[in-house]
N, C-alpha and C. Protein backbone atom coordinates (compact mmCIF):
# COMPACT_ATOMS: atom_id res chain seq x y z
N MET A 1 -14.08 10.88 33.57
CA MET A 1 -13.82 10.24 32.29
C MET A 1 -13.77 8.74 32.52
N ASP A 2 -14.63 8.03 31.86
CA ASP A 2 -14.71 6.58 31.98
C ASP A 2 -13.91 5.94 30.85
N ILE A 3 -12.93 5.10 31.20
CA ILE A 3 -12.12 4.44 30.19
C ILE A 3 -12.83 3.16 29.78
N ASP A 4 -13.10 3.07 28.51
CA ASP A 4 -13.77 1.91 27.92
C ASP A 4 -12.71 0.87 27.57
N THR A 5 -12.68 -0.25 28.28
CA THR A 5 -11.65 -1.27 28.03
C THR A 5 -11.78 -1.88 26.63
N ASP A 6 -13.00 -2.00 26.12
CA ASP A 6 -13.17 -2.51 24.76
C ASP A 6 -12.50 -1.60 23.74
N MET A 7 -12.62 -0.29 23.97
CA MET A 7 -11.99 0.67 23.07
C MET A 7 -10.47 0.57 23.17
N LEU A 8 -9.95 0.37 24.37
CA LEU A 8 -8.50 0.23 24.53
C LEU A 8 -7.99 -1.02 23.80
N VAL A 9 -8.75 -2.09 23.87
CA VAL A 9 -8.38 -3.31 23.13
C VAL A 9 -8.40 -3.03 21.63
N GLU A 10 -9.43 -2.34 21.18
CA GLU A 10 -9.54 -2.00 19.76
C GLU A 10 -8.36 -1.14 19.31
N LEU A 11 -7.98 -0.17 20.12
CA LEU A 11 -6.84 0.69 19.80
C LEU A 11 -5.53 -0.10 19.82
N ALA A 12 -5.41 -1.05 20.72
CA ALA A 12 -4.21 -1.89 20.77
C ALA A 12 -4.11 -2.75 19.51
N ILE A 13 -5.23 -3.32 19.09
CA ILE A 13 -5.25 -4.13 17.85
C ILE A 13 -4.89 -3.25 16.66
N ALA A 14 -5.48 -2.06 16.59
CA ALA A 14 -5.21 -1.14 15.49
C ALA A 14 -3.73 -0.74 15.47
N THR A 15 -3.16 -0.49 16.64
CA THR A 15 -1.75 -0.12 16.72
C THR A 15 -0.88 -1.27 16.22
N GLY A 16 -1.20 -2.49 16.61
CA GLY A 16 -0.46 -3.65 16.12
C GLY A 16 -0.54 -3.79 14.61
N LEU A 17 -1.73 -3.55 14.06
CA LEU A 17 -1.90 -3.64 12.61
C LEU A 17 -1.12 -2.55 11.89
N VAL A 18 -1.08 -1.35 12.46
CA VAL A 18 -0.31 -0.27 11.86
C VAL A 18 1.18 -0.62 11.87
N VAL A 19 1.67 -1.08 13.01
CA VAL A 19 3.08 -1.46 13.11
C VAL A 19 3.41 -2.56 12.10
N LEU A 20 2.55 -3.56 12.01
CA LEU A 20 2.76 -4.66 11.07
C LEU A 20 2.78 -4.18 9.63
N THR A 21 1.78 -3.39 9.23
CA THR A 21 1.70 -2.96 7.83
C THR A 21 2.80 -1.97 7.47
N VAL A 22 3.20 -1.11 8.39
CA VAL A 22 4.30 -0.18 8.11
C VAL A 22 5.61 -0.97 7.96
N THR A 23 5.79 -1.98 8.78
CA THR A 23 6.98 -2.82 8.67
C THR A 23 7.00 -3.56 7.33
N ILE A 24 5.89 -4.16 6.97
CA ILE A 24 5.79 -4.85 5.68
C ILE A 24 6.06 -3.87 4.54
N HIS A 25 5.49 -2.69 4.63
CA HIS A 25 5.66 -1.70 3.57
C HIS A 25 7.13 -1.28 3.44
N GLY A 26 7.77 -1.03 4.57
CA GLY A 26 9.18 -0.63 4.55
C GLY A 26 10.07 -1.71 3.96
N VAL A 27 9.85 -2.95 4.36
CA VAL A 27 10.63 -4.07 3.81
C VAL A 27 10.34 -4.23 2.32
N GLY A 28 9.06 -4.14 1.96
CA GLY A 28 8.68 -4.28 0.55
C GLY A 28 9.30 -3.20 -0.33
N LEU A 29 9.28 -1.95 0.13
CA LEU A 29 9.88 -0.87 -0.65
C LEU A 29 11.39 -1.05 -0.74
N SER A 30 12.00 -1.54 0.32
CA SER A 30 13.44 -1.81 0.29
C SER A 30 13.77 -2.87 -0.76
N LEU A 31 12.96 -3.92 -0.83
CA LEU A 31 13.18 -4.97 -1.83
C LEU A 31 12.94 -4.44 -3.24
N LEU A 32 11.92 -3.60 -3.40
CA LEU A 32 11.65 -3.01 -4.72
C LEU A 32 12.78 -2.06 -5.12
N ARG A 33 13.37 -1.36 -4.16
CA ARG A 33 14.52 -0.48 -4.43
C ARG A 33 15.69 -1.32 -4.94
N ARG A 34 15.91 -2.47 -4.30
CA ARG A 34 17.00 -3.36 -4.74
C ARG A 34 16.74 -3.88 -6.15
N LEU A 35 15.48 -4.21 -6.42
CA LEU A 35 15.13 -4.66 -7.77
C LEU A 35 15.42 -3.55 -8.78
N SER A 36 15.03 -2.33 -8.45
CA SER A 36 15.28 -1.21 -9.35
C SER A 36 16.77 -0.99 -9.56
N ASP A 37 17.54 -1.08 -8.48
CA ASP A 37 19.00 -0.91 -8.60
C ASP A 37 19.60 -2.02 -9.46
N PHE A 38 19.13 -3.25 -9.26
CA PHE A 38 19.60 -4.38 -10.05
C PHE A 38 19.28 -4.17 -11.53
N MET A 39 18.06 -3.75 -11.80
CA MET A 39 17.65 -3.52 -13.19
C MET A 39 18.45 -2.36 -13.79
N GLY A 40 18.77 -1.37 -12.99
CA GLY A 40 19.54 -0.23 -13.47
C GLY A 40 20.96 -0.59 -13.83
N GLY A 41 21.48 -1.65 -13.22
CA GLY A 41 22.85 -2.07 -13.50
C GLY A 41 22.98 -2.96 -14.72
N ARG A 42 21.88 -3.36 -15.29
CA ARG A 42 21.89 -4.24 -16.47
C ARG A 42 22.18 -3.41 -17.72
N ARG A 43 22.73 -4.04 -18.73
CA ARG A 43 22.96 -3.35 -20.01
C ARG A 43 21.87 -3.78 -20.97
N PRO A 44 20.88 -2.93 -21.13
CA PRO A 44 19.73 -3.31 -21.96
C PRO A 44 20.01 -3.21 -23.45
N LEU A 45 19.26 -4.00 -24.21
CA LEU A 45 19.31 -3.89 -25.66
C LEU A 45 18.59 -2.61 -26.09
N SER A 46 17.52 -2.29 -25.41
CA SER A 46 16.75 -1.09 -25.71
C SER A 46 16.46 -0.35 -24.42
N ARG A 47 16.87 0.90 -24.33
CA ARG A 47 16.63 1.68 -23.10
C ARG A 47 15.14 1.82 -22.83
N THR A 48 14.34 2.02 -23.87
CA THR A 48 12.90 2.19 -23.69
C THR A 48 12.26 0.92 -23.15
N LEU A 49 12.59 -0.21 -23.76
CA LEU A 49 12.04 -1.49 -23.30
C LEU A 49 12.50 -1.79 -21.88
N HIS A 50 13.75 -1.53 -21.59
CA HIS A 50 14.30 -1.77 -20.26
C HIS A 50 13.57 -0.92 -19.23
N ALA A 51 13.35 0.36 -19.52
CA ALA A 51 12.63 1.25 -18.60
C ALA A 51 11.20 0.76 -18.40
N LEU A 52 10.57 0.34 -19.47
CA LEU A 52 9.19 -0.14 -19.38
C LEU A 52 9.09 -1.39 -18.50
N VAL A 53 10.00 -2.33 -18.69
CA VAL A 53 9.99 -3.56 -17.89
C VAL A 53 10.25 -3.22 -16.42
N THR A 54 11.19 -2.34 -16.15
CA THR A 54 11.49 -1.94 -14.77
C THR A 54 10.27 -1.30 -14.13
N ILE A 55 9.62 -0.40 -14.82
CA ILE A 55 8.45 0.28 -14.28
C ILE A 55 7.33 -0.71 -14.03
N TRP A 56 7.09 -1.62 -14.96
CA TRP A 56 6.04 -2.63 -14.76
C TRP A 56 6.32 -3.49 -13.54
N LEU A 57 7.56 -3.92 -13.38
CA LEU A 57 7.92 -4.74 -12.23
C LEU A 57 7.69 -3.98 -10.92
N ILE A 58 8.05 -2.71 -10.90
CA ILE A 58 7.87 -1.89 -9.71
C ILE A 58 6.38 -1.70 -9.43
N VAL A 59 5.60 -1.37 -10.45
CA VAL A 59 4.15 -1.16 -10.26
C VAL A 59 3.48 -2.43 -9.76
N LEU A 60 3.79 -3.56 -10.37
CA LEU A 60 3.19 -4.82 -9.92
C LEU A 60 3.62 -5.13 -8.49
N GLY A 61 4.86 -4.85 -8.16
CA GLY A 61 5.33 -5.05 -6.79
C GLY A 61 4.59 -4.16 -5.80
N LEU A 62 4.34 -2.92 -6.19
CA LEU A 62 3.60 -1.99 -5.31
C LEU A 62 2.16 -2.46 -5.11
N PHE A 63 1.52 -2.93 -6.19
CA PHE A 63 0.16 -3.46 -6.06
C PHE A 63 0.14 -4.67 -5.13
N ALA A 64 1.12 -5.55 -5.28
CA ALA A 64 1.19 -6.73 -4.43
C ALA A 64 1.39 -6.33 -2.97
N LEU A 65 2.25 -5.36 -2.75
CA LEU A 65 2.52 -4.89 -1.39
C LEU A 65 1.26 -4.34 -0.73
N HIS A 66 0.54 -3.48 -1.43
CA HIS A 66 -0.72 -2.94 -0.88
C HIS A 66 -1.75 -4.05 -0.72
N GLY A 67 -1.75 -4.99 -1.65
CA GLY A 67 -2.69 -6.11 -1.55
C GLY A 67 -2.48 -6.92 -0.29
N VAL A 68 -1.24 -7.20 0.04
CA VAL A 68 -0.94 -7.94 1.27
C VAL A 68 -1.46 -7.18 2.49
N GLU A 69 -1.22 -5.89 2.51
CA GLU A 69 -1.65 -5.07 3.66
C GLU A 69 -3.17 -5.02 3.77
N ILE A 70 -3.84 -4.90 2.65
CA ILE A 70 -5.31 -4.89 2.63
C ILE A 70 -5.85 -6.23 3.11
N TRP A 71 -5.25 -7.32 2.64
CA TRP A 71 -5.70 -8.66 3.04
C TRP A 71 -5.46 -8.93 4.52
N ILE A 72 -4.44 -8.33 5.09
CA ILE A 72 -4.20 -8.50 6.53
C ILE A 72 -5.39 -7.94 7.31
N TYR A 73 -5.78 -6.71 6.99
CA TYR A 73 -6.95 -6.12 7.65
C TYR A 73 -8.20 -6.96 7.37
N ALA A 74 -8.39 -7.35 6.13
CA ALA A 74 -9.57 -8.14 5.76
C ALA A 74 -9.61 -9.45 6.53
N GLY A 75 -8.48 -10.09 6.66
CA GLY A 75 -8.42 -11.35 7.40
C GLY A 75 -8.80 -11.17 8.86
N ILE A 76 -8.37 -10.09 9.44
CA ILE A 76 -8.73 -9.81 10.84
C ILE A 76 -10.23 -9.56 10.96
N TYR A 77 -10.79 -8.76 10.05
CA TYR A 77 -12.23 -8.48 10.09
C TYR A 77 -13.04 -9.76 9.94
N GLU A 78 -12.61 -10.60 9.00
CA GLU A 78 -13.36 -11.83 8.74
C GLU A 78 -13.23 -12.81 9.91
N ALA A 79 -12.02 -12.97 10.41
CA ALA A 79 -11.78 -13.90 11.53
C ALA A 79 -12.54 -13.47 12.78
N ALA A 80 -12.69 -12.18 12.98
CA ALA A 80 -13.38 -11.67 14.16
C ALA A 80 -14.89 -11.65 13.99
N GLY A 81 -15.36 -11.94 12.78
CA GLY A 81 -16.80 -11.89 12.53
C GLY A 81 -17.33 -10.47 12.46
N ALA A 82 -16.46 -9.52 12.15
CA ALA A 82 -16.86 -8.11 12.07
C ALA A 82 -17.65 -7.80 10.81
N VAL A 83 -17.57 -8.71 9.83
CA VAL A 83 -18.31 -8.59 8.57
C VAL A 83 -18.96 -9.94 8.27
N HIS A 84 -19.78 -9.99 7.24
CA HIS A 84 -20.55 -11.20 6.95
C HIS A 84 -19.80 -12.26 6.16
N SER A 85 -18.80 -11.86 5.38
CA SER A 85 -18.10 -12.83 4.54
C SER A 85 -16.69 -12.34 4.23
N LEU A 86 -15.87 -13.25 3.72
CA LEU A 86 -14.52 -12.86 3.33
C LEU A 86 -14.56 -11.84 2.21
N ARG A 87 -15.45 -12.05 1.25
CA ARG A 87 -15.58 -11.09 0.14
C ARG A 87 -15.90 -9.69 0.66
N GLU A 88 -16.83 -9.61 1.59
CA GLU A 88 -17.20 -8.31 2.16
C GLU A 88 -16.02 -7.72 2.95
N ALA A 89 -15.28 -8.58 3.63
CA ALA A 89 -14.11 -8.12 4.39
C ALA A 89 -13.06 -7.51 3.47
N VAL A 90 -12.79 -8.20 2.35
CA VAL A 90 -11.79 -7.70 1.40
C VAL A 90 -12.28 -6.39 0.77
N TYR A 91 -13.54 -6.36 0.36
CA TYR A 91 -14.08 -5.13 -0.23
C TYR A 91 -14.04 -3.97 0.76
N PHE A 92 -14.50 -4.23 1.98
CA PHE A 92 -14.51 -3.18 3.00
C PHE A 92 -13.08 -2.69 3.27
N SER A 93 -12.13 -3.62 3.41
CA SER A 93 -10.75 -3.24 3.67
C SER A 93 -10.16 -2.45 2.50
N LEU A 94 -10.44 -2.88 1.30
CA LEU A 94 -9.93 -2.21 0.11
C LEU A 94 -10.38 -0.75 0.03
N ILE A 95 -11.64 -0.52 0.22
CA ILE A 95 -12.12 0.87 0.09
C ILE A 95 -11.81 1.70 1.33
N THR A 96 -11.63 1.04 2.46
CA THR A 96 -11.24 1.77 3.66
C THR A 96 -9.77 2.17 3.57
N TYR A 97 -8.92 1.24 3.20
CA TYR A 97 -7.48 1.47 3.05
C TYR A 97 -7.24 2.60 2.05
N GLY A 98 -7.98 2.60 0.98
CA GLY A 98 -7.83 3.62 -0.05
C GLY A 98 -8.56 4.91 0.27
N ALA A 99 -9.17 5.00 1.44
CA ALA A 99 -9.88 6.18 1.92
C ALA A 99 -11.04 6.57 1.02
N ILE A 100 -11.62 5.58 0.34
CA ILE A 100 -12.79 5.84 -0.49
C ILE A 100 -14.03 5.94 0.39
N GLY A 101 -14.09 5.09 1.38
CA GLY A 101 -15.20 5.11 2.32
C GLY A 101 -16.32 4.19 1.87
N TYR A 102 -17.10 3.75 2.82
CA TYR A 102 -18.17 2.81 2.55
C TYR A 102 -19.32 3.19 3.46
N SER A 103 -19.53 2.42 4.47
CA SER A 103 -20.60 2.69 5.41
C SER A 103 -20.22 2.09 6.76
N ASP A 104 -20.52 2.80 7.80
CA ASP A 104 -20.26 2.26 9.14
C ASP A 104 -21.10 1.03 9.42
N HIS A 105 -22.17 0.86 8.68
CA HIS A 105 -23.05 -0.29 8.89
C HIS A 105 -22.49 -1.58 8.31
N ALA A 106 -21.42 -1.47 7.51
CA ALA A 106 -20.84 -2.65 6.87
C ALA A 106 -19.96 -3.45 7.82
N ILE A 107 -19.61 -2.85 8.95
CA ILE A 107 -18.72 -3.51 9.90
C ILE A 107 -19.31 -3.39 11.30
N ALA A 108 -19.06 -4.40 12.12
CA ALA A 108 -19.58 -4.39 13.49
C ALA A 108 -19.07 -3.15 14.23
N PRO A 109 -19.91 -2.54 15.05
CA PRO A 109 -19.51 -1.32 15.77
C PRO A 109 -18.22 -1.46 16.57
N ALA A 110 -17.95 -2.63 17.09
CA ALA A 110 -16.74 -2.84 17.88
C ALA A 110 -15.47 -2.75 17.04
N TRP A 111 -15.60 -2.72 15.72
CA TRP A 111 -14.45 -2.67 14.82
C TRP A 111 -14.36 -1.36 14.04
N GLN A 112 -15.23 -0.42 14.31
CA GLN A 112 -15.25 0.83 13.55
C GLN A 112 -14.02 1.70 13.79
N ILE A 113 -13.48 1.70 14.98
CA ILE A 113 -12.28 2.49 15.23
C ILE A 113 -11.10 1.90 14.44
N ILE A 114 -11.00 0.58 14.44
CA ILE A 114 -9.93 -0.06 13.67
C ILE A 114 -10.07 0.29 12.19
N ALA A 115 -11.29 0.28 11.69
CA ALA A 115 -11.52 0.64 10.29
C ALA A 115 -11.10 2.08 10.01
N GLY A 116 -11.40 2.98 10.92
CA GLY A 116 -10.98 4.37 10.75
C GLY A 116 -9.47 4.50 10.72
N ILE A 117 -8.81 3.78 11.60
CA ILE A 117 -7.35 3.82 11.64
C ILE A 117 -6.77 3.17 10.39
N GLU A 118 -7.43 2.12 9.87
CA GLU A 118 -6.98 1.53 8.61
C GLU A 118 -6.98 2.58 7.50
N GLY A 119 -8.00 3.42 7.47
CA GLY A 119 -8.06 4.47 6.45
C GLY A 119 -6.89 5.43 6.55
N ILE A 120 -6.55 5.84 7.77
CA ILE A 120 -5.41 6.74 7.96
C ILE A 120 -4.11 6.02 7.59
N ASN A 121 -3.99 4.78 8.02
CA ASN A 121 -2.82 3.96 7.71
C ASN A 121 -2.66 3.83 6.19
N GLY A 122 -3.75 3.53 5.50
CA GLY A 122 -3.70 3.39 4.05
C GLY A 122 -3.26 4.66 3.35
N VAL A 123 -3.79 5.79 3.79
CA VAL A 123 -3.42 7.07 3.17
C VAL A 123 -1.92 7.32 3.34
N ILE A 124 -1.40 7.04 4.52
CA ILE A 124 0.03 7.24 4.76
C ILE A 124 0.86 6.30 3.88
N LEU A 125 0.46 5.03 3.80
CA LEU A 125 1.22 4.07 3.00
C LEU A 125 1.11 4.36 1.51
N ILE A 126 -0.05 4.81 1.07
CA ILE A 126 -0.20 5.20 -0.34
C ILE A 126 0.66 6.43 -0.64
N GLY A 127 0.71 7.37 0.28
CA GLY A 127 1.57 8.54 0.10
C GLY A 127 3.04 8.15 0.03
N TRP A 128 3.44 7.24 0.90
CA TRP A 128 4.81 6.75 0.91
C TRP A 128 5.12 6.07 -0.43
N THR A 129 4.18 5.29 -0.92
CA THR A 129 4.33 4.62 -2.21
C THR A 129 4.47 5.63 -3.34
N THR A 130 3.67 6.68 -3.29
CA THR A 130 3.73 7.71 -4.33
C THR A 130 5.11 8.37 -4.36
N ALA A 131 5.63 8.72 -3.19
CA ALA A 131 6.96 9.33 -3.12
C ALA A 131 8.02 8.37 -3.67
N PHE A 132 7.92 7.11 -3.29
CA PHE A 132 8.85 6.09 -3.78
C PHE A 132 8.77 5.98 -5.30
N PHE A 133 7.56 5.89 -5.82
CA PHE A 133 7.37 5.70 -7.26
C PHE A 133 7.87 6.91 -8.05
N VAL A 134 7.64 8.11 -7.56
CA VAL A 134 8.14 9.31 -8.24
C VAL A 134 9.66 9.27 -8.29
N THR A 135 10.29 8.85 -7.21
CA THR A 135 11.75 8.75 -7.18
C THR A 135 12.24 7.73 -8.21
N ILE A 136 11.61 6.57 -8.23
CA ILE A 136 12.00 5.52 -9.18
C ILE A 136 11.80 6.01 -10.62
N MET A 137 10.67 6.65 -10.88
CA MET A 137 10.40 7.14 -12.24
C MET A 137 11.47 8.13 -12.68
N GLY A 138 11.91 8.97 -11.78
CA GLY A 138 12.97 9.92 -12.11
C GLY A 138 14.27 9.23 -12.48
N GLU A 139 14.49 8.06 -11.91
CA GLU A 139 15.73 7.33 -12.15
C GLU A 139 15.69 6.48 -13.42
N VAL A 140 14.54 5.93 -13.76
CA VAL A 140 14.48 5.01 -14.91
C VAL A 140 13.88 5.64 -16.16
N GLN A 141 13.38 6.83 -16.02
CA GLN A 141 12.72 7.46 -17.16
C GLN A 141 13.73 7.64 -18.29
N VAL A 142 13.29 7.26 -19.46
CA VAL A 142 14.12 7.44 -20.64
C VAL A 142 13.94 8.87 -21.11
N LYS A 143 15.04 9.57 -21.16
CA LYS A 143 14.99 10.98 -21.58
C LYS A 143 15.37 11.08 -23.04
N ALA A 144 14.51 11.74 -23.79
CA ALA A 144 14.80 11.95 -25.22
C ALA A 144 15.96 12.94 -25.34
N PRO A 145 16.80 12.77 -26.35
CA PRO A 145 17.90 13.74 -26.54
C PRO A 145 17.32 15.13 -26.80
N ARG A 146 17.97 16.11 -26.23
CA ARG A 146 17.50 17.49 -26.43
C ARG A 146 17.92 17.99 -27.79
N ARG A 147 17.00 18.73 -28.41
CA ARG A 147 17.33 19.34 -29.69
C ARG A 147 18.05 20.66 -29.44
N THR A 148 18.98 20.94 -30.26
CA THR A 148 19.68 22.22 -30.15
C THR A 148 18.98 23.23 -31.03
N ALA A 149 19.31 24.49 -30.85
CA ALA A 149 18.67 25.56 -31.62
C ALA A 149 18.99 25.45 -33.10
N ARG A 150 20.11 24.83 -33.45
CA ARG A 150 20.51 24.70 -34.86
C ARG A 150 19.74 23.62 -35.59
N GLU A 151 19.09 22.70 -34.89
CA GLU A 151 18.39 21.59 -35.55
C GLU A 151 17.08 22.00 -36.12
């Protein structure tokens, strides 16, 4: 078995990117949790409007969080010359992170393993986000009063 040092470097870079993005994601979700708790402690004029504002803030925060993580990968691809332009780097990172897929020809062969790991990383972070969002929705959802059988 011949160990390819270029592949080991690629795996080390990918591992660093995973550690970085998971850390960013954890901190970001913690901050969004605090925002949700803060909003939950407020006395709103309208429960519906309050829930809507809270949900919008959380959703925008989640988009921003994923955007930062996508741009980190894109910045690495562009800086390394693995793609032709920053626009292509962002597009490639976006669809790879979201596990949509593109083409192996869009990125230099030396970066294909990192791109594959980005896809796995993105799926895990999107799953984590989904679990977080479902929890938040359960907490801020405005529940209509239940009707009784006599009504």
